[in-house]
Amino acid sequence: MALNLSRIKAERIACGKTQKEIAREMGLTRSAYAKRENGLVSIGADELEQISQVLEIPKEKMYIFFTDNVPKRERQLI
């Protein structure tokens, strides 16, 4: 199953949050967060949970970030 990085970005934008705001709440720099959102650095399970909390997405709905049908350049295997 692949992590859909585009969905993470879309949910962030839909919540009206910037990369800087998400990064601050996660204890990261904006650059470090951007690398994760853009697939340059892997997002771990703990970080995905943090992102979900910041975006106010309940744990039961974290499945929205996973899919089997994501273009290769936009996925990260978990």
N, C-alpha and C. Protein backbone atom coordinates (compact mmCIF):
# COMPACT_ATOMS: atom_id res chain seq x y z
N MET A 1 0.85 -1.17 0.00
CA MET A 1 0.00 0.00 0.00
C MET A 1 0.90 1.24 0.00
N ALA A 2 0.51 2.25 -0.72
CA ALA A 2 1.33 3.45 -0.88
C ALA A 2 0.71 4.64 -0.15
N LEU A 3 1.58 5.50 0.32
CA LEU A 3 1.16 6.74 0.95
C LEU A 3 0.99 7.78 -0.16
N ASN A 4 -0.18 8.38 -0.23
CA ASN A 4 -0.50 9.35 -1.26
C ASN A 4 -0.09 10.74 -0.77
N LEU A 5 1.08 11.18 -1.20
CA LEU A 5 1.62 12.47 -0.76
C LEU A 5 0.79 13.64 -1.27
N SER A 6 0.19 13.50 -2.44
CA SER A 6 -0.68 14.56 -2.97
C SER A 6 -1.89 14.78 -2.09
N ARG A 7 -2.38 13.70 -1.50
CA ARG A 7 -3.55 13.81 -0.62
C ARG A 7 -3.19 14.55 0.66
N ILE A 8 -1.98 14.31 1.16
CA ILE A 8 -1.53 15.03 2.36
C ILE A 8 -1.49 16.52 2.06
N LYS A 9 -0.92 16.88 0.92
CA LYS A 9 -0.84 18.29 0.54
C LYS A 9 -2.24 18.88 0.35
N ALA A 10 -3.12 18.14 -0.31
CA ALA A 10 -4.48 18.62 -0.56
C ALA A 10 -5.23 18.85 0.75
N GLU A 11 -5.08 17.94 1.70
CA GLU A 11 -5.75 18.09 3.00
C GLU A 11 -5.19 19.29 3.76
N ARG A 12 -3.87 19.50 3.66
CA ARG A 12 -3.26 20.65 4.32
C ARG A 12 -3.83 21.95 3.76
N ILE A 13 -3.90 22.03 2.45
CA ILE A 13 -4.41 23.23 1.79
C ILE A 13 -5.89 23.43 2.12
N ALA A 14 -6.65 22.34 2.12
CA ALA A 14 -8.08 22.42 2.44
C ALA A 14 -8.31 22.93 3.86
N CYS A 15 -7.38 22.63 4.75
CA CYS A 15 -7.48 23.10 6.14
C CYS A 15 -6.97 24.53 6.30
N GLY A 16 -6.44 25.08 5.21
CA GLY A 16 -5.94 26.45 5.25
C GLY A 16 -4.62 26.60 5.99
N LYS A 17 -3.85 25.52 6.06
CA LYS A 17 -2.58 25.57 6.77
C LYS A 17 -1.42 25.62 5.78
N THR A 18 -0.37 26.30 6.20
CA THR A 18 0.84 26.36 5.38
C THR A 18 1.80 25.24 5.82
N GLN A 19 2.80 25.00 5.01
CA GLN A 19 3.83 24.03 5.39
C GLN A 19 4.50 24.49 6.68
N LYS A 20 4.72 25.77 6.81
CA LYS A 20 5.38 26.32 8.00
C LYS A 20 4.56 26.03 9.26
N GLU A 21 3.24 26.18 9.18
CA GLU A 21 2.39 25.93 10.34
C GLU A 21 2.41 24.45 10.74
N ILE A 22 2.31 23.58 9.74
CA ILE A 22 2.36 22.14 10.03
C ILE A 22 3.70 21.78 10.64
N ALA A 23 4.77 22.29 10.02
CA ALA A 23 6.13 22.00 10.50
C ALA A 23 6.30 22.44 11.95
N ARG A 24 5.85 23.64 12.27
CA ARG A 24 6.00 24.16 13.64
C ARG A 24 5.30 23.25 14.64
N GLU A 25 4.09 22.80 14.31
CA GLU A 25 3.34 21.94 15.22
C GLU A 25 3.97 20.56 15.35
N MET A 26 4.76 20.16 14.36
CA MET A 26 5.44 18.86 14.40
C MET A 26 6.85 18.98 14.99
N GLY A 27 7.31 20.20 15.22
CA GLY A 27 8.66 20.40 15.73
C GLY A 27 9.73 20.29 14.65
N LEU A 28 9.34 20.59 13.41
CA LEU A 28 10.25 20.54 12.27
C LEU A 28 10.42 21.94 11.68
N THR A 29 11.43 22.10 10.84
CA THR A 29 11.54 23.32 10.05
C THR A 29 10.60 23.18 8.86
N ARG A 30 10.27 24.30 8.21
CA ARG A 30 9.43 24.24 7.03
C ARG A 30 10.10 23.40 5.95
N SER A 31 11.40 23.56 5.80
CA SER A 31 12.16 22.81 4.80
C SER A 31 12.10 21.30 5.06
N ALA A 32 12.25 20.91 6.31
CA ALA A 32 12.20 19.48 6.66
C ALA A 32 10.81 18.91 6.37
N TYR A 33 9.77 19.68 6.69
CA TYR A 33 8.41 19.21 6.40
C TYR A 33 8.19 19.13 4.89
N ALA A 34 8.62 20.15 4.16
CA ALA A 34 8.43 20.17 2.71
C ALA A 34 9.09 18.95 2.05
N LYS A 35 10.24 18.55 2.56
CA LYS A 35 10.92 17.37 2.01
C LYS A 35 10.07 16.12 2.20
N ARG A 36 9.37 16.05 3.30
CA ARG A 36 8.49 14.90 3.54
C ARG A 36 7.27 14.96 2.62
N GLU A 37 6.65 16.13 2.54
CA GLU A 37 5.45 16.28 1.71
C GLU A 37 5.75 16.04 0.23
N ASN A 38 6.99 16.34 -0.16
CA ASN A 38 7.38 16.16 -1.57
C ASN A 38 8.05 14.82 -1.84
N GLY A 39 8.13 13.95 -0.84
CA GLY A 39 8.64 12.62 -1.05
C GLY A 39 10.15 12.48 -1.05
N LEU A 40 10.87 13.52 -0.66
CA LEU A 40 12.33 13.45 -0.63
C LEU A 40 12.82 12.76 0.64
N VAL A 41 12.00 12.80 1.69
CA VAL A 41 12.29 12.13 2.95
C VAL A 41 11.04 11.32 3.30
N SER A 42 11.24 10.09 3.75
CA SER A 42 10.10 9.22 4.10
C SER A 42 9.34 9.76 5.30
N ILE A 43 8.04 9.55 5.27
CA ILE A 43 7.17 9.90 6.40
C ILE A 43 6.93 8.62 7.18
N GLY A 44 7.33 8.64 8.44
CA GLY A 44 7.12 7.48 9.31
C GLY A 44 5.69 7.45 9.84
N ALA A 45 5.34 6.34 10.45
CA ALA A 45 3.99 6.19 11.00
C ALA A 45 3.70 7.25 12.06
N ASP A 46 4.69 7.53 12.92
CA ASP A 46 4.48 8.54 13.96
C ASP A 46 4.26 9.92 13.36
N GLU A 47 5.03 10.22 12.31
CA GLU A 47 4.88 11.53 11.66
C GLU A 47 3.54 11.63 10.94
N LEU A 48 3.10 10.55 10.33
CA LEU A 48 1.79 10.58 9.67
C LEU A 48 0.70 10.81 10.70
N GLU A 49 0.85 10.20 11.86
CA GLU A 49 -0.13 10.42 12.93
C GLU A 49 -0.11 11.88 13.38
N GLN A 50 1.08 12.47 13.49
CA GLN A 50 1.19 13.89 13.86
C GLN A 50 0.51 14.78 12.82
N ILE A 51 0.77 14.50 11.55
CA ILE A 51 0.16 15.28 10.47
C ILE A 51 -1.36 15.19 10.57
N SER A 52 -1.86 13.98 10.78
CA SER A 52 -3.31 13.78 10.91
C SER A 52 -3.88 14.58 12.06
N GLN A 53 -3.17 14.61 13.19
CA GLN A 53 -3.64 15.35 14.35
C GLN A 53 -3.68 16.85 14.05
N VAL A 54 -2.63 17.36 13.41
CA VAL A 54 -2.57 18.79 13.09
C VAL A 54 -3.70 19.15 12.13
N LEU A 55 -4.01 18.24 11.19
CA LEU A 55 -5.08 18.49 10.22
C LEU A 55 -6.46 18.11 10.76
N GLU A 56 -6.48 17.67 12.02
CA GLU A 56 -7.72 17.28 12.70
C GLU A 56 -8.44 16.15 11.98
N ILE A 57 -7.66 15.19 11.52
CA ILE A 57 -8.21 13.99 10.88
C ILE A 57 -8.10 12.86 11.89
N PRO A 58 -9.24 12.28 12.30
CA PRO A 58 -9.21 11.21 13.30
C PRO A 58 -8.41 10.00 12.81
N LYS A 59 -7.84 9.26 13.75
CA LYS A 59 -7.05 8.06 13.41
C LYS A 59 -7.84 7.10 12.54
N GLU A 60 -9.13 6.97 12.82
CA GLU A 60 -9.96 6.04 12.05
C GLU A 60 -10.07 6.43 10.57
N LYS A 61 -9.76 7.67 10.25
CA LYS A 61 -9.89 8.15 8.87
C LYS A 61 -8.54 8.34 8.19
N MET A 62 -7.47 7.89 8.84
CA MET A 62 -6.14 8.05 8.25
C MET A 62 -5.99 7.25 6.96
N TYR A 63 -6.90 6.32 6.72
CA TYR A 63 -6.86 5.54 5.48
C TYR A 63 -6.94 6.42 4.24
N ILE A 64 -7.43 7.64 4.38
CA ILE A 64 -7.55 8.53 3.21
C ILE A 64 -6.19 8.84 2.61
N PHE A 65 -5.12 8.65 3.39
CA PHE A 65 -3.77 8.94 2.89
C PHE A 65 -3.14 7.74 2.18
N PHE A 66 -3.84 6.63 2.13
CA PHE A 66 -3.30 5.42 1.50
C PHE A 66 -4.12 5.03 0.28
N THR A 67 -3.44 4.49 -0.69
CA THR A 67 -4.11 4.00 -1.88
C THR A 67 -3.21 3.03 -2.62
N ASP A 68 -3.80 2.24 -3.46
CA ASP A 68 -3.03 1.32 -4.30
C ASP A 68 -2.79 1.92 -5.67
N ASN A 69 -3.43 3.07 -5.95
CA ASN A 69 -3.41 3.63 -7.29
C ASN A 69 -2.87 5.06 -7.28
N VAL A 70 -1.57 5.20 -7.00
CA VAL A 70 -0.92 6.50 -6.95
C VAL A 70 0.21 6.50 -7.98
N PRO A 71 0.33 7.56 -8.79
CA PRO A 71 1.46 7.61 -9.73
C PRO A 71 2.78 7.46 -8.97
N LYS A 72 3.74 6.79 -9.57
CA LYS A 72 5.01 6.47 -8.91
C LYS A 72 5.69 7.69 -8.28
N ARG A 73 5.66 8.82 -8.97
CA ARG A 73 6.35 10.01 -8.46
C ARG A 73 5.67 10.60 -7.24
N GLU A 74 4.44 10.18 -6.95
CA GLU A 74 3.68 10.75 -5.83
C GLU A 74 3.47 9.76 -4.70
N ARG A 75 4.20 8.65 -4.69
CA ARG A 75 3.95 7.67 -3.65
C ARG A 75 5.18 7.37 -2.82
N GLN A 76 4.90 6.86 -1.68
CA GLN A 76 5.94 6.42 -0.77
C GLN A 76 5.41 5.14 -0.14
N LEU A 77 6.16 4.07 -0.26
CA LEU A 77 5.72 2.81 0.31
C LEU A 77 5.92 2.82 1.81
N ILE A 78 4.93 2.31 2.51
CA ILE A 78 4.99 2.23 3.97
C ILE A 78 5.35 0.81 4.35
